[in-house]
């Protein structure tokens, strides 16, 4: 099984194919967003609404059968859903130590940071803060 760092690098490599064309990069991110499972409304009611996000972002974290943190995320904004899908692929099901120590560099490494406002980037930081908080609480 790949590590969180390996999963992140795999995604960075996938997105690198579009780094020369911001429109194609954005389009690829939107397509990637469509692959994130939609969180049912009843789960959104139980999930933690992440504070500090411009969009509504829901985080549902629980321990899987293997003891690792299982992460489900959703948002009411398509572009944010694309980044959330990357976060889920990188961190969900990984050991706590990997979640704590693997920095989320996906936005910077894929040049998506250039497409995100400072407020949106702060929102993604809030998501990561809440995921690391869930490691200790769940």
C-alpha atoms as a PDB file:
ATOM      1  CA  UNK A   1       0.000   0.000   0.000  1.00  0.00           C
ATOM      2  CA  UNK A   2       1.320   3.435  -0.885  1.00  0.00           C
ATOM      3  CA  UNK A   3       2.072   6.006   1.798  1.00  0.00           C
ATOM      4  CA  UNK A   4       0.381   9.393   2.081  1.00  0.00           C
ATOM      5  CA  UNK A   5       3.484  11.014   0.587  1.00  0.00           C
ATOM      6  CA  UNK A   6       3.465   8.563  -2.336  1.00  0.00           C
ATOM      7  CA  UNK A   7      -0.255   9.144  -2.927  1.00  0.00           C
ATOM      8  CA  UNK A   8       0.294  12.890  -2.956  1.00  0.00           C
ATOM      9  CA  UNK A   9       3.199  12.587  -5.403  1.00  0.00           C
ATOM     10  CA  UNK A  10       1.114  10.361  -7.688  1.00  0.00           C
ATOM     11  CA  UNK A  11      -1.615  13.020  -7.801  1.00  0.00           C
ATOM     12  CA  UNK A  12       0.917  15.797  -8.354  1.00  0.00           C
ATOM     13  CA  UNK A  13       2.361  13.819 -11.272  1.00  0.00           C
ATOM     14  CA  UNK A  14      -1.145  13.290 -12.726  1.00  0.00           C
ATOM     15  CA  UNK A  15      -1.926  17.012 -12.542  1.00  0.00           C
ATOM     16  CA  UNK A  16       1.524  17.989 -13.880  1.00  0.00           C
ATOM     17  CA  UNK A  17       0.389  16.998 -17.363  1.00  0.00           C
ATOM     18  CA  UNK A  18      -1.808  20.115 -17.345  1.00  0.00           C
ATOM     19  CA  UNK A  19       0.574  22.593 -15.682  1.00  0.00           C
ATOM     20  CA  UNK A  20       1.307  24.466 -18.932  1.00  0.00           C
ATOM     21  CA  UNK A  21      -2.341  25.374 -19.466  1.00  0.00           C
ATOM     22  CA  UNK A  22      -4.281  26.877 -16.515  1.00  0.00           C
ATOM     23  CA  UNK A  23      -7.618  26.303 -18.265  1.00  0.00           C
ATOM     24  CA  UNK A  24      -6.890  22.584 -18.781  1.00  0.00           C
ATOM     25  CA  UNK A  25      -5.636  22.305 -15.195  1.00  0.00           C
ATOM     26  CA  UNK A  26      -8.851  23.871 -13.904  1.00  0.00           C
ATOM     27  CA  UNK A  27     -10.936  21.634 -16.175  1.00  0.00           C
ATOM     28  CA  UNK A  28      -9.084  18.531 -14.971  1.00  0.00           C
ATOM     29  CA  UNK A  29      -9.687  19.563 -11.347  1.00  0.00           C
ATOM     30  CA  UNK A  30     -13.413  19.907 -12.022  1.00  0.00           C
ATOM     31  CA  UNK A  31     -13.500  16.440 -13.586  1.00  0.00           C
ATOM     32  CA  UNK A  32     -11.577  15.105 -10.600  1.00  0.00           C
ATOM     33  CA  UNK A  33     -14.199  16.697  -8.323  1.00  0.00           C
ATOM     34  CA  UNK A  34     -16.924  14.628  -9.958  1.00  0.00           C
ATOM     35  CA  UNK A  35     -15.228  11.449  -8.689  1.00  0.00           C
ATOM     36  CA  UNK A  36     -15.568  12.463  -5.023  1.00  0.00           C
ATOM     37  CA  UNK A  37     -18.541  10.592  -3.534  1.00  0.00           C
ATOM     38  CA  UNK A  38     -21.379  12.898  -2.537  1.00  0.00           C
ATOM     39  CA  UNK A  39     -21.988  12.882   1.203  1.00  0.00           C
ATOM     40  CA  UNK A  40     -25.660  12.052   1.870  1.00  0.00           C
ATOM     41  CA  UNK A  41     -27.657  14.768   3.643  1.00  0.00           C
ATOM     42  CA  UNK A  42     -28.092  12.619   6.753  1.00  0.00           C
ATOM     43  CA  UNK A  43     -24.291  12.289   7.032  1.00  0.00           C
ATOM     44  CA  UNK A  44     -23.861  16.045   6.563  1.00  0.00           C
ATOM     45  CA  UNK A  45     -26.083  16.562   9.610  1.00  0.00           C
ATOM     46  CA  UNK A  46     -23.704  14.427  11.718  1.00  0.00           C
ATOM     47  CA  UNK A  47     -20.510  15.644  10.065  1.00  0.00           C
ATOM     48  CA  UNK A  48     -18.385  18.506  11.277  1.00  0.00           C
ATOM     49  CA  UNK A  49     -18.862  21.695   9.281  1.00  0.00           C
ATOM     50  CA  UNK A  50     -15.348  23.058   8.827  1.00  0.00           C
ATOM     51  CA  UNK A  51     -15.074  26.611  10.112  1.00  0.00           C
ATOM     52  CA  UNK A  52     -12.899  29.021   8.179  1.00  0.00           C
ATOM     53  CA  UNK A  53     -13.984  27.955   4.698  1.00  0.00           C
ATOM     54  CA  UNK A  54     -15.564  30.275   2.161  1.00  0.00           C
ATOM     55  CA  UNK A  55     -17.665  27.353   0.962  1.00  0.00           C
ATOM     56  CA  UNK A  56     -19.504  24.874   3.092  1.00  0.00           C
ATOM     57  CA  UNK A  57     -17.216  21.899   3.736  1.00  0.00           C
ATOM     58  CA  UNK A  58     -18.254  18.847   5.717  1.00  0.00           C
ATOM     59  CA  UNK A  59     -15.805  16.444   7.353  1.00  0.00           C
ATOM     60  CA  UNK A  60     -16.846  13.019   8.579  1.00  0.00           C
ATOM     61  CA  UNK A  61     -14.000  11.072  10.184  1.00  0.00           C
ATOM     62  CA  UNK A  62     -14.146   7.710  11.916  1.00  0.00           C
ATOM     63  CA  UNK A  63     -11.855   4.801  12.657  1.00  0.00           C
ATOM     64  CA  UNK A  64     -11.900   2.023  10.099  1.00  0.00           C
ATOM     65  CA  UNK A  65     -11.644  -1.655  10.951  1.00  0.00           C
ATOM     66  CA  UNK A  66      -7.855  -1.357  10.609  1.00  0.00           C
ATOM     67  CA  UNK A  67      -7.734   1.419  13.223  1.00  0.00           C
ATOM     68  CA  UNK A  68      -6.772   4.073  10.681  1.00  0.00           C
ATOM     69  CA  UNK A  69      -8.732   7.264  10.209  1.00  0.00           C
ATOM     70  CA  UNK A  70     -11.317   7.051   7.425  1.00  0.00           C
ATOM     71  CA  UNK A  71     -12.093  10.480   6.007  1.00  0.00           C
ATOM     72  CA  UNK A  72     -15.125  11.612   4.022  1.00  0.00           C
ATOM     73  CA  UNK A  73     -15.323  15.193   2.765  1.00  0.00           C
ATOM     74  CA  UNK A  74     -17.841  17.144   0.727  1.00  0.00           C
ATOM     75  CA  UNK A  75     -18.454  20.734  -0.296  1.00  0.00           C
ATOM     76  CA  UNK A  76     -21.107  22.808  -1.976  1.00  0.00           C
ATOM     77  CA  UNK A  77     -18.482  24.155  -4.404  1.00  0.00           C
ATOM     78  CA  UNK A  78     -17.207  22.059  -7.297  1.00  0.00           C
ATOM     79  CA  UNK A  79     -13.643  23.395  -7.405  1.00  0.00           C
ATOM     80  CA  UNK A  80     -13.257  22.803  -3.656  1.00  0.00           C
ATOM     81  CA  UNK A  81     -14.603  19.266  -4.103  1.00  0.00           C
ATOM     82  CA  UNK A  82     -11.686  18.618  -6.467  1.00  0.00           C
ATOM     83  CA  UNK A  83      -9.148  19.544  -3.792  1.00  0.00           C
ATOM     84  CA  UNK A  84     -11.104  17.612  -1.167  1.00  0.00           C
ATOM     85  CA  UNK A  85     -10.949  14.540  -3.393  1.00  0.00           C
ATOM     86  CA  UNK A  86      -7.156  14.876  -3.434  1.00  0.00           C
ATOM     87  CA  UNK A  87      -7.106  15.204   0.374  1.00  0.00           C
ATOM     88  CA  UNK A  88      -9.208  12.051   0.760  1.00  0.00           C
ATOM     89  CA  UNK A  89      -6.943  10.095  -1.585  1.00  0.00           C
ATOM     90  CA  UNK A  90      -3.821  11.277   0.227  1.00  0.00           C
ATOM     91  CA  UNK A  91      -4.908  10.932   3.864  1.00  0.00           C
ATOM     92  CA  UNK A  92      -7.909   8.622   4.274  1.00  0.00           C
ATOM     93  CA  UNK A  93      -7.043   5.194   5.631  1.00  0.00           C
ATOM     94  CA  UNK A  94      -3.468   6.163   6.498  1.00  0.00           C
ATOM     95  CA  UNK A  95      -1.837   5.671   9.902  1.00  0.00           C
ATOM     96  CA  UNK A  96      -2.121   8.605  12.301  1.00  0.00           C
ATOM     97  CA  UNK A  97       1.596   9.357  12.084  1.00  0.00           C
ATOM     98  CA  UNK A  98       1.400   9.804   8.314  1.00  0.00           C
ATOM     99  CA  UNK A  99      -1.568  12.132   8.623  1.00  0.00           C
ATOM    100  CA  UNK A 100       0.271  14.239  11.195  1.00  0.00           C
ATOM    101  CA  UNK A 101       3.592  14.408   9.359  1.00  0.00           C
ATOM    102  CA  UNK A 102       2.726  14.526   5.647  1.00  0.00           C
ATOM    103  CA  UNK A 103       2.384  18.167   4.688  1.00  0.00           C
ATOM    104  CA  UNK A 104      -0.315  18.967   2.147  1.00  0.00           C
ATOM    105  CA  UNK A 105       1.702  20.487  -0.719  1.00  0.00           C
ATOM    106  CA  UNK A 106      -0.634  19.437  -3.521  1.00  0.00           C
ATOM    107  CA  UNK A 107      -1.880  22.970  -4.321  1.00  0.00           C
ATOM    108  CA  UNK A 108       1.590  24.472  -4.590  1.00  0.00           C
ATOM    109  CA  UNK A 109       3.099  21.513  -6.441  1.00  0.00           C
ATOM    110  CA  UNK A 110       0.351  21.477  -9.071  1.00  0.00           C
ATOM    111  CA  UNK A 111       0.194  25.269  -9.444  1.00  0.00           C
ATOM    112  CA  UNK A 112      -3.464  25.160  -8.398  1.00  0.00           C
ATOM    113  CA  UNK A 113      -2.557  27.627  -5.654  1.00  0.00           C
ATOM    114  CA  UNK A 114      -2.408  30.273  -8.410  1.00  0.00           C
ATOM    115  CA  UNK A 115      -6.090  29.586  -9.188  1.00  0.00           C
ATOM    116  CA  UNK A 116      -7.193  29.827  -5.549  1.00  0.00           C
ATOM    117  CA  UNK A 117      -7.783  33.037  -3.639  1.00  0.00           C
ATOM    118  CA  UNK A 118      -6.091  33.507  -0.272  1.00  0.00           C
ATOM    119  CA  UNK A 119      -9.472  32.852   1.374  1.00  0.00           C
ATOM    120  CA  UNK A 120      -9.877  29.516  -0.410  1.00  0.00           C
ATOM    121  CA  UNK A 121      -6.332  28.509   0.496  1.00  0.00           C
ATOM    122  CA  UNK A 122      -7.074  29.383   4.138  1.00  0.00           C
ATOM    123  CA  UNK A 123     -10.172  27.198   3.913  1.00  0.00           C
ATOM    124  CA  UNK A 124      -8.095  24.232   2.737  1.00  0.00           C
ATOM    125  CA  UNK A 125      -5.718  24.853   5.651  1.00  0.00           C
ATOM    126  CA  UNK A 126      -8.762  24.754   7.964  1.00  0.00           C
ATOM    127  CA  UNK A 127      -9.758  21.378   6.485  1.00  0.00           C
ATOM    128  CA  UNK A 128      -6.268  20.010   7.161  1.00  0.00           C
ATOM    129  CA  UNK A 129      -6.367  21.428  10.701  1.00  0.00           C
ATOM    130  CA  UNK A 130      -9.672  19.659  11.370  1.00  0.00           C
ATOM    131  CA  UNK A 131      -8.395  16.375   9.920  1.00  0.00           C
ATOM    132  CA  UNK A 132      -5.350  16.464  12.191  1.00  0.00           C
ATOM    133  CA  UNK A 133      -7.633  17.343  15.089  1.00  0.00           C
ATOM    134  CA  UNK A 134      -9.807  14.324  14.248  1.00  0.00           C
ATOM    135  CA  UNK A 135      -6.752  12.055  14.527  1.00  0.00           C
ATOM    136  CA  UNK A 136      -6.611  12.914  18.222  1.00  0.00           C
ATOM    137  CA  UNK A 137     -10.351  12.913  18.855  1.00  0.00           C
ATOM    138  CA  UNK A 138     -11.679   9.932  16.913  1.00  0.00           C
END
